[in-house]
Amino acid sequence: PVPSSVTLGRELFRDALAKMPTLDGIFCNNDDIALGALFECHRASIAVPKTIGITGFNDLDMMEVAFPSVTSVRTP
């Protein structure tokens, strides 16, 4: 019940990885969450997209300039 944010994405990704260490892909319900997951991967030295794939939703501009860029679903 907390607002979506990049910080929440980091926390959710960290929790998911703790529950499933062999996680190799994650689909996030928005780009803020996906960017948080990407930042957590960088912090934990997890190679994206070699070790894990991340997909966002909304296709905000920030996803294209993230490194590496993150695939995001665009809905017209």
PDB file of N, CA and C in Angstrom:
ATOM      1  N   PRO A   1       0.809  -1.223   0.000  1.00  0.00           N
ATOM      2  CA  PRO A   1       0.000   0.000   0.000  1.00  0.00           C
ATOM      3  C   PRO A   1       0.843   1.275   0.000  1.00  0.00           C
ATOM      4  N   VAL A   2       2.079   1.211  -0.505  1.00  0.00           N
ATOM      5  CA  VAL A   2       2.929   2.402  -0.604  1.00  0.00           C
ATOM      6  C   VAL A   2       2.993   2.842  -2.056  1.00  0.00           C
ATOM      7  N   PRO A   3       3.224   4.126  -2.292  1.00  0.00           N
ATOM      8  CA  PRO A   3       3.310   4.611  -3.669  1.00  0.00           C
ATOM      9  C   PRO A   3       4.488   3.971  -4.415  1.00  0.00           C
ATOM     10  N   SER A   4       4.295   3.776  -5.697  1.00  0.00           N
ATOM     11  CA  SER A   4       5.349   3.223  -6.539  1.00  0.00           C
ATOM     12  C   SER A   4       6.521   4.193  -6.595  1.00  0.00           C
ATOM     13  N   SER A   5       7.729   3.639  -6.575  1.00  0.00           N
ATOM     14  CA  SER A   5       8.924   4.480  -6.660  1.00  0.00           C
ATOM     15  C   SER A   5      10.114   3.625  -7.076  1.00  0.00           C
ATOM     16  N   VAL A   6      11.193   4.271  -7.447  1.00  0.00           N
ATOM     17  CA  VAL A   6      12.429   3.574  -7.764  1.00  0.00           C
ATOM     18  C   VAL A   6      12.944   2.842  -6.518  1.00  0.00           C
ATOM     19  N   THR A   7      12.848   3.486  -5.374  1.00  0.00           N
ATOM     20  CA  THR A   7      13.282   2.860  -4.122  1.00  0.00           C
ATOM     21  C   THR A   7      12.475   1.601  -3.840  1.00  0.00           C
ATOM     22  N   LEU A   8      11.173   1.651  -4.041  1.00  0.00           N
ATOM     23  CA  LEU A   8      10.340   0.472  -3.844  1.00  0.00           C
ATOM     24  C   LEU A   8      10.760  -0.637  -4.805  1.00  0.00           C
ATOM     25  N   GLY A   9      11.103  -0.266  -6.036  1.00  0.00           N
ATOM     26  CA  GLY A   9      11.571  -1.256  -7.002  1.00  0.00           C
ATOM     27  C   GLY A   9      12.826  -1.972  -6.526  1.00  0.00           C
ATOM     28  N   ARG A  10      13.756  -1.233  -5.950  1.00  0.00           N
ATOM     29  CA  ARG A  10      14.968  -1.859  -5.387  1.00  0.00           C
ATOM     30  C   ARG A  10      14.607  -2.841  -4.294  1.00  0.00           C
ATOM     31  N   GLU A  11      13.710  -2.437  -3.402  1.00  0.00           N
ATOM     32  CA  GLU A  11      13.324  -3.296  -2.285  1.00  0.00           C
ATOM     33  C   GLU A  11      12.587  -4.545  -2.763  1.00  0.00           C
ATOM     34  N   LEU A  12      11.648  -4.378  -3.689  1.00  0.00           N
ATOM     35  CA  LEU A  12      10.888  -5.521  -4.204  1.00  0.00           C
ATOM     36  C   LEU A  12      11.799  -6.504  -4.938  1.00  0.00           C
ATOM     37  N   PHE A  13      12.739  -5.954  -5.709  1.00  0.00           N
ATOM     38  CA  PHE A  13      13.657  -6.829  -6.430  1.00  0.00           C
ATOM     39  C   PHE A  13      14.547  -7.598  -5.457  1.00  0.00           C
ATOM     40  N   ARG A  14      15.041  -6.915  -4.445  1.00  0.00           N
ATOM     41  CA  ARG A  14      15.873  -7.555  -3.426  1.00  0.00           C
ATOM     42  C   ARG A  14      15.100  -8.694  -2.749  1.00  0.00           C
ATOM     43  N   ASP A  15      13.840  -8.447  -2.416  1.00  0.00           N
ATOM     44  CA  ASP A  15      12.998  -9.479  -1.801  1.00  0.00           C
ATOM     45  C   ASP A  15      12.775 -10.658  -2.743  1.00  0.00           C
ATOM     46  N   ALA A  16      12.496 -10.361  -4.013  1.00  0.00           N
ATOM     47  CA  ALA A  16      12.260 -11.428  -5.001  1.00  0.00           C
ATOM     48  C   ALA A  16      13.504 -12.290  -5.158  1.00  0.00           C
ATOM     49  N   LEU A  17      14.664 -11.663  -5.215  1.00  0.00           N
ATOM     50  CA  LEU A  17      15.914 -12.402  -5.379  1.00  0.00           C
ATOM     51  C   LEU A  17      16.224 -13.257  -4.148  1.00  0.00           C
ATOM     52  N   ALA A  18      15.874 -12.771  -2.970  1.00  0.00           N
ATOM     53  CA  ALA A  18      16.085 -13.550  -1.746  1.00  0.00           C
ATOM     54  C   ALA A  18      15.195 -14.798  -1.743  1.00  0.00           C
ATOM     55  N   LYS A  19      13.992 -14.666  -2.301  1.00  0.00           N
ATOM     56  CA  LYS A  19      13.064 -15.797  -2.338  1.00  0.00           C
ATOM     57  C   LYS A  19      13.382 -16.766  -3.472  1.00  0.00           C
ATOM     58  N   MET A  20      13.983 -16.251  -4.545  1.00  0.00           N
ATOM     59  CA  MET A  20      14.291 -17.086  -5.703  1.00  0.00           C
ATOM     60  C   MET A  20      15.657 -16.673  -6.264  1.00  0.00           C
ATOM     61  N   PRO A  21      16.747 -17.188  -5.696  1.00  0.00           N
ATOM     62  CA  PRO A  21      18.095 -16.796  -6.107  1.00  0.00           C
ATOM     63  C   PRO A  21      18.416 -17.095  -7.570  1.00  0.00           C
ATOM     64  N   THR A  22      17.692 -18.013  -8.198  1.00  0.00           N
ATOM     65  CA  THR A  22      17.944 -18.340  -9.603  1.00  0.00           C
ATOM     66  C   THR A  22      17.099 -17.503 -10.561  1.00  0.00           C
ATOM     67  N   LEU A  23      16.458 -16.474 -10.052  1.00  0.00           N
ATOM     68  CA  LEU A  23      15.630 -15.587 -10.863  1.00  0.00           C
ATOM     69  C   LEU A  23      16.413 -15.105 -12.078  1.00  0.00           C
ATOM     70  N   ASP A  24      15.831 -15.254 -13.273  1.00  0.00           N
ATOM     71  CA  ASP A  24      16.551 -14.810 -14.473  1.00  0.00           C
ATOM     72  C   ASP A  24      15.763 -13.793 -15.293  1.00  0.00           C
ATOM     73  N   GLY A  25      14.606 -13.385 -14.799  1.00  0.00           N
ATOM     74  CA  GLY A  25      13.825 -12.371 -15.484  1.00  0.00           C
ATOM     75  C   GLY A  25      12.756 -11.818 -14.570  1.00  0.00           C
ATOM     76  N   ILE A  26      12.399 -10.544 -14.807  1.00  0.00           N
ATOM     77  CA  ILE A  26      11.379  -9.908 -13.978  1.00  0.00           C
ATOM     78  C   ILE A  26      10.594  -8.926 -14.843  1.00  0.00           C
ATOM     79  N   PHE A  27       9.270  -8.996 -14.741  1.00  0.00           N
ATOM     80  CA  PHE A  27       8.384  -8.062 -15.441  1.00  0.00           C
ATOM     81  C   PHE A  27       7.792  -7.148 -14.384  1.00  0.00           C
ATOM     82  N   CYS A  28       8.072  -5.864 -14.523  1.00  0.00           N
ATOM     83  CA  CYS A  28       7.622  -4.882 -13.527  1.00  0.00           C
ATOM     84  C   CYS A  28       6.363  -4.174 -14.015  1.00  0.00           C
ATOM     85  N   ASN A  29       5.475  -3.825 -13.091  1.00  0.00           N
ATOM     86  CA  ASN A  29       4.212  -3.217 -13.495  1.00  0.00           C
ATOM     87  C   ASN A  29       4.342  -1.749 -13.877  1.00  0.00           C
ATOM     88  N   ASN A  30       5.523  -1.161 -13.696  1.00  0.00           N
ATOM     89  CA  ASN A  30       5.786   0.182 -14.232  1.00  0.00           C
ATOM     90  C   ASN A  30       7.294   0.421 -14.318  1.00  0.00           C
ATOM     91  N   ASP A  31       7.654   1.508 -14.969  1.00  0.00           N
ATOM     92  CA  ASP A  31       9.066   1.779 -15.218  1.00  0.00           C
ATOM     93  C   ASP A  31       9.832   2.201 -13.963  1.00  0.00           C
ATOM     94  N   ASP A  32       9.164   2.825 -13.001  1.00  0.00           N
ATOM     95  CA  ASP A  32       9.845   3.184 -11.749  1.00  0.00           C
ATOM     96  C   ASP A  32      10.363   1.935 -11.046  1.00  0.00           C
ATOM     97  N   ILE A  33       9.509   0.926 -10.969  1.00  0.00           N
ATOM     98  CA  ILE A  33       9.891  -0.331 -10.325  1.00  0.00           C
ATOM     99  C   ILE A  33      11.033  -0.994 -11.106  1.00  0.00           C
ATOM    100  N   ALA A  34      10.930  -0.985 -12.432  1.00  0.00           N
ATOM    101  CA  ALA A  34      11.965  -1.602 -13.272  1.00  0.00           C
ATOM    102  C   ALA A  34      13.308  -0.895 -13.098  1.00  0.00           C
ATOM    103  N   LEU A  35      13.286   0.418 -13.029  1.00  0.00           N
ATOM    104  CA  LEU A  35      14.539   1.156 -12.843  1.00  0.00           C
ATOM    105  C   LEU A  35      15.144   0.850 -11.472  1.00  0.00           C
ATOM    106  N   GLY A  36      14.310   0.712 -10.456  1.00  0.00           N
ATOM    107  CA  GLY A  36      14.799   0.326  -9.138  1.00  0.00           C
ATOM    108  C   GLY A  36      15.449  -1.053  -9.171  1.00  0.00           C
ATOM    109  N   ALA A  37      14.838  -1.981  -9.917  1.00  0.00           N
ATOM    110  CA  ALA A  37      15.417  -3.318 -10.067  1.00  0.00           C
ATOM    111  C   ALA A  37      16.772  -3.227 -10.772  1.00  0.00           C
ATOM    112  N   LEU A  38      16.862  -2.396 -11.798  1.00  0.00           N
ATOM    113  CA  LEU A  38      18.123  -2.211 -12.512  1.00  0.00           C
ATOM    114  C   LEU A  38      19.204  -1.663 -11.580  1.00  0.00           C
ATOM    115  N   PHE A  39      18.860  -0.658 -10.787  1.00  0.00           N
ATOM    116  CA  PHE A  39      19.833  -0.086  -9.852  1.00  0.00           C
ATOM    117  C   PHE A  39      20.301  -1.125  -8.835  1.00  0.00           C
ATOM    118  N   GLU A  40      19.379  -1.969  -8.376  1.00  0.00           N
ATOM    119  CA  GLU A  40      19.762  -3.005  -7.418  1.00  0.00           C
ATOM    120  C   GLU A  40      20.676  -4.031  -8.081  1.00  0.00           C
ATOM    121  N   CYS A  41      20.426  -4.336  -9.351  1.00  0.00           N
ATOM    122  CA  CYS A  41      21.327  -5.244 -10.077  1.00  0.00           C
ATOM    123  C   CYS A  41      22.728  -4.651 -10.151  1.00  0.00           C
ATOM    124  N   HIS A  42      22.822  -3.359 -10.465  1.00  0.00           N
ATOM    125  CA  HIS A  42      24.137  -2.707 -10.505  1.00  0.00           C
ATOM    126  C   HIS A  42      24.822  -2.805  -9.148  1.00  0.00           C
ATOM    127  N   ARG A  43      24.074  -2.535  -8.076  1.00  0.00           N
ATOM    128  CA  ARG A  43      24.642  -2.559  -6.734  1.00  0.00           C
ATOM    129  C   ARG A  43      25.146  -3.955  -6.374  1.00  0.00           C
ATOM    130  N   ALA A  44      24.421  -4.974  -6.815  1.00  0.00           N
ATOM    131  CA  ALA A  44      24.768  -6.355  -6.480  1.00  0.00           C
ATOM    132  C   ALA A  44      25.651  -7.019  -7.538  1.00  0.00           C
ATOM    133  N   SER A  45      26.114  -6.260  -8.508  1.00  0.00           N
ATOM    134  CA  SER A  45      26.964  -6.778  -9.596  1.00  0.00           C
ATOM    135  C   SER A  45      26.294  -7.929 -10.359  1.00  0.00           C
ATOM    136  N   ILE A  46      25.007  -7.775 -10.630  1.00  0.00           N
ATOM    137  CA  ILE A  46      24.250  -8.740 -11.438  1.00  0.00           C
ATOM    138  C   ILE A  46      24.175  -8.177 -12.852  1.00  0.00           C
ATOM    139  N   ALA A  47      24.688  -8.913 -13.811  1.00  0.00           N
ATOM    140  CA  ALA A  47      24.751  -8.438 -15.194  1.00  0.00           C
ATOM    141  C   ALA A  47      23.370  -8.429 -15.839  1.00  0.00           C
ATOM    142  N   VAL A  48      22.993  -7.258 -16.344  1.00  0.00           N
ATOM    143  CA  VAL A  48      21.737  -7.088 -17.083  1.00  0.00           C
ATOM    144  C   VAL A  48      22.107  -6.771 -18.520  1.00  0.00           C
ATOM    145  N   PRO A  49      21.619  -7.468 -19.496  1.00  0.00           N
ATOM    146  CA  PRO A  49      20.633  -8.543 -19.490  1.00  0.00           C
ATOM    147  C   PRO A  49      21.243  -9.955 -19.500  1.00  0.00           C
ATOM    148  N   LYS A  50      22.552 -10.070 -19.356  1.00  0.00           N
ATOM    149  CA  LYS A  50      23.198 -11.393 -19.449  1.00  0.00           C
ATOM    150  C   LYS A  50      22.695 -12.374 -18.387  1.00  0.00           C
ATOM    151  N   THR A  51      22.609 -11.931 -17.134  1.00  0.00           N
ATOM    152  CA  THR A  51      22.198 -12.809 -16.041  1.00  0.00           C
ATOM    153  C   THR A  51      20.704 -12.709 -15.759  1.00  0.00           C
ATOM    154  N   ILE A  52      20.160 -11.519 -15.891  1.00  0.00           N
ATOM    155  CA  ILE A  52      18.729 -11.318 -15.622  1.00  0.00           C
ATOM    156  C   ILE A  52      18.158 -10.294 -16.588  1.00  0.00           C
ATOM    157  N   GLY A  53      16.956 -10.552 -17.049  1.00  0.00           N
ATOM    158  CA  GLY A  53      16.248  -9.619 -17.912  1.00  0.00           C
ATOM    159  C   GLY A  53      15.241  -8.821 -17.101  1.00  0.00           C
ATOM    160  N   ILE A  54      15.089  -7.554 -17.460  1.00  0.00           N
ATOM    161  CA  ILE A  54      14.133  -6.679 -16.765  1.00  0.00           C
ATOM    162  C   ILE A  54      13.240  -6.039 -17.816  1.00  0.00           C
ATOM    163  N   THR A  55      11.942  -6.067 -17.574  1.00  0.00           N
ATOM    164  CA  THR A  55      10.982  -5.402 -18.452  1.00  0.00           C
ATOM    165  C   THR A  55      10.115  -4.481 -17.610  1.00  0.00           C
ATOM    166  N   GLY A  56       9.892  -3.282 -18.128  1.00  0.00           N
ATOM    167  CA  GLY A  56       9.031  -2.314 -17.460  1.00  0.00           C
ATOM    168  C   GLY A  56       7.712  -2.157 -18.191  1.00  0.00           C
ATOM    169  N   PHE A  57       6.933  -1.185 -17.768  1.00  0.00           N
ATOM    170  CA  PHE A  57       5.639  -0.918 -18.373  1.00  0.00           C
ATOM    171  C   PHE A  57       5.398   0.584 -18.348  1.00  0.00           C
ATOM    172  N   ASN A  58       5.069   1.165 -19.463  1.00  0.00           N
ATOM    173  CA  ASN A  58       4.765   2.584 -19.717  1.00  0.00           C
ATOM    174  C   ASN A  58       5.709   3.193 -20.744  1.00  0.00           C
ATOM    175  N   ASP A  59       6.892   2.626 -20.910  1.00  0.00           N
ATOM    176  CA  ASP A  59       7.887   3.102 -21.862  1.00  0.00           C
ATOM    177  C   ASP A  59       8.224   4.581 -21.691  1.00  0.00           C
ATOM    178  N   LEU A  60       8.554   4.950 -20.469  1.00  0.00           N
ATOM    179  CA  LEU A  60       8.976   6.329 -20.202  1.00  0.00           C
ATOM    180  C   LEU A  60      10.365   6.566 -20.785  1.00  0.00           C
ATOM    181  N   ASP A  61      10.690   7.817 -21.084  1.00  0.00           N
ATOM    182  CA  ASP A  61      11.972   8.172 -21.699  1.00  0.00           C
ATOM    183  C   ASP A  61      13.171   7.651 -20.914  1.00  0.00           C
ATOM    184  N   MET A  62      13.056   7.610 -19.600  1.00  0.00           N
ATOM    185  CA  MET A  62      14.197   7.204 -18.773  1.00  0.00           C
ATOM    186  C   MET A  62      14.643   5.779 -19.073  1.00  0.00           C
ATOM    187  N   MET A  63      13.771   4.948 -19.597  1.00  0.00           N
ATOM    188  CA  MET A  63      14.140   3.567 -19.868  1.00  0.00           C
ATOM    189  C   MET A  63      15.106   3.466 -21.043  1.00  0.00           C
ATOM    190  N   GLU A  64      14.977   4.365 -21.977  1.00  0.00           N
ATOM    191  CA  GLU A  64      15.870   4.371 -23.137  1.00  0.00           C
ATOM    192  C   GLU A  64      17.267   4.846 -22.762  1.00  0.00           C
ATOM    193  N   VAL A  65      17.375   5.742 -21.802  1.00  0.00           N
ATOM    194  CA  VAL A  65      18.682   6.284 -21.440  1.00  0.00           C
ATOM    195  C   VAL A  65      19.323   5.567 -20.255  1.00  0.00           C
ATOM    196  N   ALA A  66      18.587   4.632 -19.646  1.00  0.00           N
ATOM    197  CA  ALA A  66      19.170   3.815 -18.582  1.00  0.00           C
ATOM    198  C   ALA A  66      20.283   2.971 -19.192  1.00  0.00           C
ATOM    199  N   PHE A  67      21.236   2.550 -18.354  1.00  0.00           N
ATOM    200  CA  PHE A  67      22.297   1.688 -18.867  1.00  0.00           C
ATOM    201  C   PHE A  67      22.355   0.402 -18.072  1.00  0.00           C
ATOM    202  N   PRO A  68      22.173  -0.697 -18.786  1.00  0.00           N
ATOM    203  CA  PRO A  68      21.747  -0.779 -20.174  1.00  0.00           C
ATOM    204  C   PRO A  68      20.284  -0.352 -20.294  1.00  0.00           C
ATOM    205  N   SER A  69      19.874  -0.032 -21.508  1.00  0.00           N
ATOM    206  CA  SER A  69      18.476   0.362 -21.692  1.00  0.00           C
ATOM    207  C   SER A  69      17.578  -0.809 -21.284  1.00  0.00           C
ATOM    208  N   VAL A  70      16.396  -0.492 -20.804  1.00  0.00           N
ATOM    209  CA  VAL A  70      15.469  -1.509 -20.313  1.00  0.00           C
ATOM    210  C   VAL A  70      14.255  -1.555 -21.239  1.00  0.00           C
ATOM    211  N   THR A  71      13.903  -2.754 -21.658  1.00  0.00           N
ATOM    212  CA  THR A  71      12.702  -2.938 -22.467  1.00  0.00           C
ATOM    213  C   THR A  71      11.487  -2.552 -21.659  1.00  0.00           C
ATOM    214  N   SER A  72      10.557  -1.849 -22.294  1.00  0.00           N
ATOM    215  CA  SER A  72       9.353  -1.426 -21.598  1.00  0.00           C
ATOM    216  C   SER A  72       8.176  -1.499 -22.558  1.00  0.00           C
ATOM    217  N   VAL A  73       7.032  -1.912 -22.039  1.00  0.00           N
ATOM    218  CA  VAL A  73       5.826  -2.025 -22.853  1.00  0.00           C
ATOM    219  C   VAL A  73       5.222  -0.641 -23.029  1.00  0.00           C
ATOM    220  N   ARG A  74       4.941  -0.284 -24.270  1.00  0.00           N
ATOM    221  CA  ARG A  74       4.300   1.000 -24.578  1.00  0.00           C
ATOM    222  C   ARG A  74       2.837   0.740 -24.900  1.00  0.00           C
ATOM    223  N   THR A  75       1.951   1.465 -24.241  1.00  0.00           N
ATOM    224  CA  THR A  75       0.531   1.348 -24.541  1.00  0.00           C
ATOM    225  C   THR A  75       0.037   2.683 -25.068  1.00  0.00           C
ATOM    226  N   PRO A  76      -0.500   2.679 -26.286  1.00  0.00           N
ATOM    227  CA  PRO A  76      -0.983   3.963 -26.861  1.00  0.00           C
ATOM    228  C   PRO A  76      -2.195   4.504 -26.124  1.00  0.00           C
TER     229      PRO A  76
END
